[in-house]
């Protein structure tokens, strides 16, 4: 499996290194040519590596705003609540408070000195997906007949929890794609057929 190591341009290399090392508990890797005047540095946490260079080396003028629209999604090891508490005790400003997302992820976000958004996250629970349409089933009401043992979601199930007919599910998916993705019916029909062909309930 490959991995991605983003390179971020920053306005103050020493400040950035100090923030990631002391506030976020990243480990410093290489500093080139040395730590006293770094023109490059990489820092890592839980196998994830971020690389940093001064803005001048990236062709960015001094004073330009950095980090706008950039959100780095970092899946961490350990207990995310403990890490969150650790950062708060160190005085790290929390940009987005810790919370459970509806798709089974627990996350929170901070910003670094240049405004890059760092969203630390962790799987909060085992998420089951409907074998008919792929919808994540998080809450009891997401399951057919409100039965967490059901492998089909409420939208693909009849009132007794059994799977709806292929035609019913197909029509529901077509309407969903037309509404949510602004597709015309012909395009939605093709997309629904292709999608359903890859789902366990309909692949045969």
C-alpha atoms as a PDB file:
ATOM      1  CA  UNK A   1       0.000   0.000   0.000  1.00  0.00           C
ATOM      2  CA  UNK A   2       1.315   3.447  -0.886  1.00  0.00           C
ATOM      3  CA  UNK A   3       1.155   6.505   1.272  1.00  0.00           C
ATOM      4  CA  UNK A   4       0.888  10.249   0.798  1.00  0.00           C
ATOM      5  CA  UNK A   5       3.278  12.792   2.356  1.00  0.00           C
ATOM      6  CA  UNK A   6       2.070  16.355   1.651  1.00  0.00           C
ATOM      7  CA  UNK A   7       4.576  19.197   1.464  1.00  0.00           C
ATOM      8  CA  UNK A   8       3.312  22.419   3.050  1.00  0.00           C
ATOM      9  CA  UNK A   9       4.795  25.851   2.522  1.00  0.00           C
ATOM     10  CA  UNK A  10       5.071  27.748   5.816  1.00  0.00           C
ATOM     11  CA  UNK A  11       6.008  31.276   6.806  1.00  0.00           C
ATOM     12  CA  UNK A  12       8.225  30.371   9.771  1.00  0.00           C
ATOM     13  CA  UNK A  13       9.969  27.005   9.767  1.00  0.00           C
ATOM     14  CA  UNK A  14      11.087  27.118  13.404  1.00  0.00           C
ATOM     15  CA  UNK A  15       7.637  28.103  14.628  1.00  0.00           C
ATOM     16  CA  UNK A  16       6.054  25.318  12.601  1.00  0.00           C
ATOM     17  CA  UNK A  17       8.492  22.694  13.865  1.00  0.00           C
ATOM     18  CA  UNK A  18       7.929  23.806  17.465  1.00  0.00           C
ATOM     19  CA  UNK A  19       4.137  23.688  17.082  1.00  0.00           C
ATOM     20  CA  UNK A  20       4.004  20.207  15.564  1.00  0.00           C
ATOM     21  CA  UNK A  21       6.638  18.806  17.917  1.00  0.00           C
ATOM     22  CA  UNK A  22       5.648  20.387  21.239  1.00  0.00           C
ATOM     23  CA  UNK A  23       1.920  21.047  20.815  1.00  0.00           C
ATOM     24  CA  UNK A  24       0.812  18.148  18.603  1.00  0.00           C
ATOM     25  CA  UNK A  25       3.410  15.558  19.722  1.00  0.00           C
ATOM     26  CA  UNK A  26       4.786  14.905  16.247  1.00  0.00           C
ATOM     27  CA  UNK A  27       8.292  13.487  15.959  1.00  0.00           C
ATOM     28  CA  UNK A  28      10.914  15.476  14.107  1.00  0.00           C
ATOM     29  CA  UNK A  29      12.617  13.560  11.333  1.00  0.00           C
ATOM     30  CA  UNK A  30      15.034  15.286   8.971  1.00  0.00           C
ATOM     31  CA  UNK A  31      15.926  18.977   9.118  1.00  0.00           C
ATOM     32  CA  UNK A  32      17.988  20.214   6.194  1.00  0.00           C
ATOM     33  CA  UNK A  33      20.597  21.588   6.210  1.00  0.00           C
ATOM     34  CA  UNK A  34      20.228  21.666  10.009  1.00  0.00           C
ATOM     35  CA  UNK A  35      17.795  22.497  12.820  1.00  0.00           C
ATOM     36  CA  UNK A  36      19.152  26.013  13.319  1.00  0.00           C
ATOM     37  CA  UNK A  37      18.255  27.171   9.821  1.00  0.00           C
ATOM     38  CA  UNK A  38      15.931  24.572   8.274  1.00  0.00           C
ATOM     39  CA  UNK A  39      15.075  24.854   4.607  1.00  0.00           C
ATOM     40  CA  UNK A  40      13.229  21.539   4.821  1.00  0.00           C
ATOM     41  CA  UNK A  41      11.787  19.490   7.676  1.00  0.00           C
ATOM     42  CA  UNK A  42       9.566  16.454   8.038  1.00  0.00           C
ATOM     43  CA  UNK A  43       7.535  15.507  11.094  1.00  0.00           C
ATOM     44  CA  UNK A  44       5.528  12.362  11.687  1.00  0.00           C
ATOM     45  CA  UNK A  45       2.806  10.886  13.855  1.00  0.00           C
ATOM     46  CA  UNK A  46       1.443   7.334  13.807  1.00  0.00           C
ATOM     47  CA  UNK A  47       3.085   6.598  10.473  1.00  0.00           C
ATOM     48  CA  UNK A  48       1.848   9.810   8.805  1.00  0.00           C
ATOM     49  CA  UNK A  49       4.480  12.239   7.531  1.00  0.00           C
ATOM     50  CA  UNK A  50       4.141  15.948   6.785  1.00  0.00           C
ATOM     51  CA  UNK A  51       6.926  17.804   4.995  1.00  0.00           C
ATOM     52  CA  UNK A  52       7.546  21.545   5.298  1.00  0.00           C
ATOM     53  CA  UNK A  53       9.456  24.136   3.271  1.00  0.00           C
ATOM     54  CA  UNK A  54       9.692  27.944   3.598  1.00  0.00           C
ATOM     55  CA  UNK A  55       7.287  29.923   1.420  1.00  0.00           C
ATOM     56  CA  UNK A  56      10.204  31.496  -0.469  1.00  0.00           C
ATOM     57  CA  UNK A  57      11.334  28.032  -1.594  1.00  0.00           C
ATOM     58  CA  UNK A  58       7.853  27.333  -2.938  1.00  0.00           C
ATOM     59  CA  UNK A  59       7.674  30.576  -4.930  1.00  0.00           C
ATOM     60  CA  UNK A  60       5.123  32.150  -2.578  1.00  0.00           C
ATOM     61  CA  UNK A  61       5.494  35.835  -1.780  1.00  0.00           C
ATOM     62  CA  UNK A  62       5.911  36.951   1.820  1.00  0.00           C
ATOM     63  CA  UNK A  63       2.643  37.904   3.496  1.00  0.00           C
ATOM     64  CA  UNK A  64       0.389  35.760   1.318  1.00  0.00           C
ATOM     65  CA  UNK A  65      -2.321  33.816   3.127  1.00  0.00           C
ATOM     66  CA  UNK A  66      -1.591  30.131   3.476  1.00  0.00           C
ATOM     67  CA  UNK A  67      -3.750  27.150   4.318  1.00  0.00           C
ATOM     68  CA  UNK A  68      -6.997  28.453   2.826  1.00  0.00           C
ATOM     69  CA  UNK A  69      -9.169  25.510   1.776  1.00  0.00           C
ATOM     70  CA  UNK A  70      -6.636  22.904   2.904  1.00  0.00           C
ATOM     71  CA  UNK A  71      -7.905  20.239   5.329  1.00  0.00           C
ATOM     72  CA  UNK A  72      -5.521  17.406   6.169  1.00  0.00           C
ATOM     73  CA  UNK A  73      -7.445  14.375   7.453  1.00  0.00           C
ATOM     74  CA  UNK A  74      -5.212  12.471   9.886  1.00  0.00           C
ATOM     75  CA  UNK A  75      -6.329   9.091  11.244  1.00  0.00           C
ATOM     76  CA  UNK A  76      -4.477   8.579  14.512  1.00  0.00           C
ATOM     77  CA  UNK A  77      -3.665   5.604  16.707  1.00  0.00           C
ATOM     78  CA  UNK A  78      -4.408   5.448  20.423  1.00  0.00           C
ATOM     79  CA  UNK A  79      -7.389   7.082  22.111  1.00  0.00           C
ATOM     80  CA  UNK A  80      -8.608  10.177  20.275  1.00  0.00           C
ATOM     81  CA  UNK A  81     -10.270  11.589  23.406  1.00  0.00           C
ATOM     82  CA  UNK A  82      -7.012  11.359  25.328  1.00  0.00           C
ATOM     83  CA  UNK A  83      -5.176  13.086  22.483  1.00  0.00           C
ATOM     84  CA  UNK A  84      -7.856  15.786  22.356  1.00  0.00           C
ATOM     85  CA  UNK A  85      -7.531  16.385  26.117  1.00  0.00           C
ATOM     86  CA  UNK A  86      -3.738  16.457  25.806  1.00  0.00           C
ATOM     87  CA  UNK A  87      -3.877  19.174  23.149  1.00  0.00           C
ATOM     88  CA  UNK A  88      -6.362  21.251  25.139  1.00  0.00           C
ATOM     89  CA  UNK A  89      -4.122  21.095  28.231  1.00  0.00           C
ATOM     90  CA  UNK A  90      -1.251  22.373  26.087  1.00  0.00           C
ATOM     91  CA  UNK A  91      -3.390  25.319  25.037  1.00  0.00           C
ATOM     92  CA  UNK A  92      -3.838  24.284  21.425  1.00  0.00           C
ATOM     93  CA  UNK A  93      -6.734  26.201  19.904  1.00  0.00           C
ATOM     94  CA  UNK A  94      -9.462  23.783  18.828  1.00  0.00           C
ATOM     95  CA  UNK A  95     -11.027  24.821  15.528  1.00  0.00           C
ATOM     96  CA  UNK A  96     -13.764  22.154  15.513  1.00  0.00           C
ATOM     97  CA  UNK A  97     -14.729  20.458  18.770  1.00  0.00           C
ATOM     98  CA  UNK A  98     -14.589  16.680  19.108  1.00  0.00           C
ATOM     99  CA  UNK A  99     -17.718  14.879  17.951  1.00  0.00           C
ATOM    100  CA  UNK A 100     -19.085  11.661  16.488  1.00  0.00           C
ATOM    101  CA  UNK A 101     -19.884  11.899  12.795  1.00  0.00           C
ATOM    102  CA  UNK A 102     -22.933  10.080  11.364  1.00  0.00           C
ATOM    103  CA  UNK A 103     -20.653   7.862   9.259  1.00  0.00           C
ATOM    104  CA  UNK A 104     -18.913   6.269  12.254  1.00  0.00           C
ATOM    105  CA  UNK A 105     -15.918   8.584  12.665  1.00  0.00           C
ATOM    106  CA  UNK A 106     -14.979  10.577  15.788  1.00  0.00           C
ATOM    107  CA  UNK A 107     -12.939  13.669  14.984  1.00  0.00           C
ATOM    108  CA  UNK A 108     -11.827  17.161  15.906  1.00  0.00           C
ATOM    109  CA  UNK A 109      -9.805  19.832  14.141  1.00  0.00           C
ATOM    110  CA  UNK A 110      -7.064  22.339  14.936  1.00  0.00           C
ATOM    111  CA  UNK A 111      -5.287  24.918  12.815  1.00  0.00           C
ATOM    112  CA  UNK A 112      -1.525  25.258  12.595  1.00  0.00           C
ATOM    113  CA  UNK A 113       0.325  28.617  12.662  1.00  0.00           C
ATOM    114  CA  UNK A 114      -0.260  29.157   8.929  1.00  0.00           C
ATOM    115  CA  UNK A 115      -3.934  28.257   8.929  1.00  0.00           C
ATOM    116  CA  UNK A 116      -3.739  24.693   7.634  1.00  0.00           C
ATOM    117  CA  UNK A 117      -6.666  22.736   9.080  1.00  0.00           C
ATOM    118  CA  UNK A 118      -5.747  19.416  10.675  1.00  0.00           C
ATOM    119  CA  UNK A 119      -8.655  17.069  11.295  1.00  0.00           C
ATOM    120  CA  UNK A 120      -7.625  14.262  13.625  1.00  0.00           C
ATOM    121  CA  UNK A 121      -9.974  11.315  13.389  1.00  0.00           C
ATOM    122  CA  UNK A 122     -10.588   7.756  14.450  1.00  0.00           C
ATOM    123  CA  UNK A 123     -13.179   5.114  13.673  1.00  0.00           C
ATOM    124  CA  UNK A 124     -15.676   5.402  16.521  1.00  0.00           C
ATOM    125  CA  UNK A 125     -17.557   2.199  15.858  1.00  0.00           C
ATOM    126  CA  UNK A 126     -17.900  -0.653  13.427  1.00  0.00           C
ATOM    127  CA  UNK A 127     -20.069   0.624  10.616  1.00  0.00           C
ATOM    128  CA  UNK A 128     -22.235  -1.806   8.695  1.00  0.00           C
ATOM    129  CA  UNK A 129     -23.275  -1.006   5.164  1.00  0.00           C
ATOM    130  CA  UNK A 130     -26.523  -2.121   3.568  1.00  0.00           C
ATOM    131  CA  UNK A 131     -25.812  -5.032   1.230  1.00  0.00           C
ATOM    132  CA  UNK A 132     -28.411  -3.681  -1.179  1.00  0.00           C
ATOM    133  CA  UNK A 133     -27.552   0.012  -1.542  1.00  0.00           C
ATOM    134  CA  UNK A 134     -24.372   0.455   0.514  1.00  0.00           C
ATOM    135  CA  UNK A 135     -25.853   2.990   2.931  1.00  0.00           C
ATOM    136  CA  UNK A 136     -23.960   3.160   6.275  1.00  0.00           C
ATOM    137  CA  UNK A 137     -26.176   1.862   9.069  1.00  0.00           C
ATOM    138  CA  UNK A 138     -25.217   3.660  12.275  1.00  0.00           C
ATOM    139  CA  UNK A 139     -28.365   3.956  14.358  1.00  0.00           C
ATOM    140  CA  UNK A 140     -31.051   1.383  15.085  1.00  0.00           C
ATOM    141  CA  UNK A 141     -33.542   3.217  12.904  1.00  0.00           C
ATOM    142  CA  UNK A 142     -31.207   2.835   9.907  1.00  0.00           C
ATOM    143  CA  UNK A 143     -31.748  -0.941   9.867  1.00  0.00           C
ATOM    144  CA  UNK A 144     -34.674  -2.664   8.197  1.00  0.00           C
ATOM    145  CA  UNK A 145     -37.438  -3.257  10.767  1.00  0.00           C
ATOM    146  CA  UNK A 146     -35.099  -1.470  13.249  1.00  0.00           C
ATOM    147  CA  UNK A 147     -33.241  -4.745  13.667  1.00  0.00           C
ATOM    148  CA  UNK A 148     -29.428  -4.309  13.970  1.00  0.00           C
ATOM    149  CA  UNK A 149     -29.010  -7.896  12.790  1.00  0.00           C
ATOM    150  CA  UNK A 150     -30.577  -7.005   9.443  1.00  0.00           C
ATOM    151  CA  UNK A 151     -28.100  -6.692   6.567  1.00  0.00           C
ATOM    152  CA  UNK A 152     -30.442  -4.322   4.706  1.00  0.00           C
ATOM    153  CA  UNK A 153     -31.250  -0.710   5.498  1.00  0.00           C
ATOM    154  CA  UNK A 154     -34.678   0.745   6.175  1.00  0.00           C
ATOM    155  CA  UNK A 155     -34.903   2.086   2.595  1.00  0.00           C
ATOM    156  CA  UNK A 156     -34.273  -1.309   1.015  1.00  0.00           C
ATOM    157  CA  UNK A 157     -36.459  -3.306   3.411  1.00  0.00           C
ATOM    158  CA  UNK A 158     -40.157  -3.958   3.730  1.00  0.00           C
ATOM    159  CA  UNK A 159     -41.885  -3.303   7.058  1.00  0.00           C
ATOM    160  CA  UNK A 160     -41.065  -6.853   8.213  1.00  0.00           C
ATOM    161  CA  UNK A 161     -37.363  -6.354   7.441  1.00  0.00           C
ATOM    162  CA  UNK A 162     -37.247  -8.484   4.311  1.00  0.00           C
ATOM    163  CA  UNK A 163     -35.575  -7.156   1.182  1.00  0.00           C
ATOM    164  CA  UNK A 164     -37.704  -5.231  -1.280  1.00  0.00           C
ATOM    165  CA  UNK A 165     -37.853  -6.387  -4.883  1.00  0.00           C
ATOM    166  CA  UNK A 166     -35.094  -5.431  -7.273  1.00  0.00           C
ATOM    167  CA  UNK A 167     -37.506  -3.140  -9.103  1.00  0.00           C
ATOM    168  CA  UNK A 168     -38.460  -1.281  -5.906  1.00  0.00           C
ATOM    169  CA  UNK A 169     -34.854  -0.749  -4.860  1.00  0.00           C
ATOM    170  CA  UNK A 170     -33.898   0.245  -8.398  1.00  0.00           C
ATOM    171  CA  UNK A 171     -36.668   2.838  -8.588  1.00  0.00           C
ATOM    172  CA  UNK A 172     -35.735   4.242  -5.193  1.00  0.00           C
ATOM    173  CA  UNK A 173     -32.099   4.541  -6.222  1.00  0.00           C
ATOM    174  CA  UNK A 174     -32.977   6.224  -9.506  1.00  0.00           C
ATOM    175  CA  UNK A 175     -35.092   8.803  -7.690  1.00  0.00           C
ATOM    176  CA  UNK A 176     -32.346   9.338  -5.125  1.00  0.00           C
ATOM    177  CA  UNK A 177     -29.728   9.968  -7.813  1.00  0.00           C
ATOM    178  CA  UNK A 178     -32.033  12.326  -9.698  1.00  0.00           C
ATOM    179  CA  UNK A 179     -32.683  14.319  -6.534  1.00  0.00           C
ATOM    180  CA  UNK A 180     -29.313  14.283  -4.814  1.00  0.00           C
ATOM    181  CA  UNK A 181     -27.043  14.459  -7.875  1.00  0.00           C
ATOM    182  CA  UNK A 182     -29.270  16.429 -10.243  1.00  0.00           C
ATOM    183  CA  UNK A 183     -29.224  13.688 -12.879  1.00  0.00           C
ATOM    184  CA  UNK A 184     -31.795  13.316 -15.613  1.00  0.00           C
ATOM    185  CA  UNK A 185     -33.714  10.042 -15.481  1.00  0.00           C
ATOM    186  CA  UNK A 186     -31.829   8.316 -18.299  1.00  0.00           C
ATOM    187  CA  UNK A 187     -28.451   9.043 -16.697  1.00  0.00           C
ATOM    188  CA  UNK A 188     -29.746   8.033 -13.262  1.00  0.00           C
ATOM    189  CA  UNK A 189     -31.075   4.735 -14.609  1.00  0.00           C
ATOM    190  CA  UNK A 190     -27.692   3.820 -16.095  1.00  0.00           C
ATOM    191  CA  UNK A 191     -25.886   4.845 -12.902  1.00  0.00           C
ATOM    192  CA  UNK A 192     -28.315   2.887 -10.699  1.00  0.00           C
ATOM    193  CA  UNK A 193     -27.952  -0.277 -12.776  1.00  0.00           C
ATOM    194  CA  UNK A 194     -24.160  -0.056 -12.689  1.00  0.00           C
ATOM    195  CA  UNK A 195     -24.096   0.630  -8.955  1.00  0.00           C
ATOM    196  CA  UNK A 196     -26.518  -2.157  -8.061  1.00  0.00           C
ATOM    197  CA  UNK A 197     -24.527  -4.648 -10.116  1.00  0.00           C
ATOM    198  CA  UNK A 198     -21.664  -4.191  -7.672  1.00  0.00           C
ATOM    199  CA  UNK A 199     -23.743  -4.686  -4.521  1.00  0.00           C
ATOM    200  CA  UNK A 200     -23.857  -8.119  -2.854  1.00  0.00           C
ATOM    201  CA  UNK A 201     -27.652  -8.321  -2.935  1.00  0.00           C
ATOM    202  CA  UNK A 202     -27.836  -7.806  -6.693  1.00  0.00           C
ATOM    203  CA  UNK A 203     -24.468  -8.879  -8.102  1.00  0.00           C
ATOM    204  CA  UNK A 204     -25.883 -12.247  -9.153  1.00  0.00           C
END
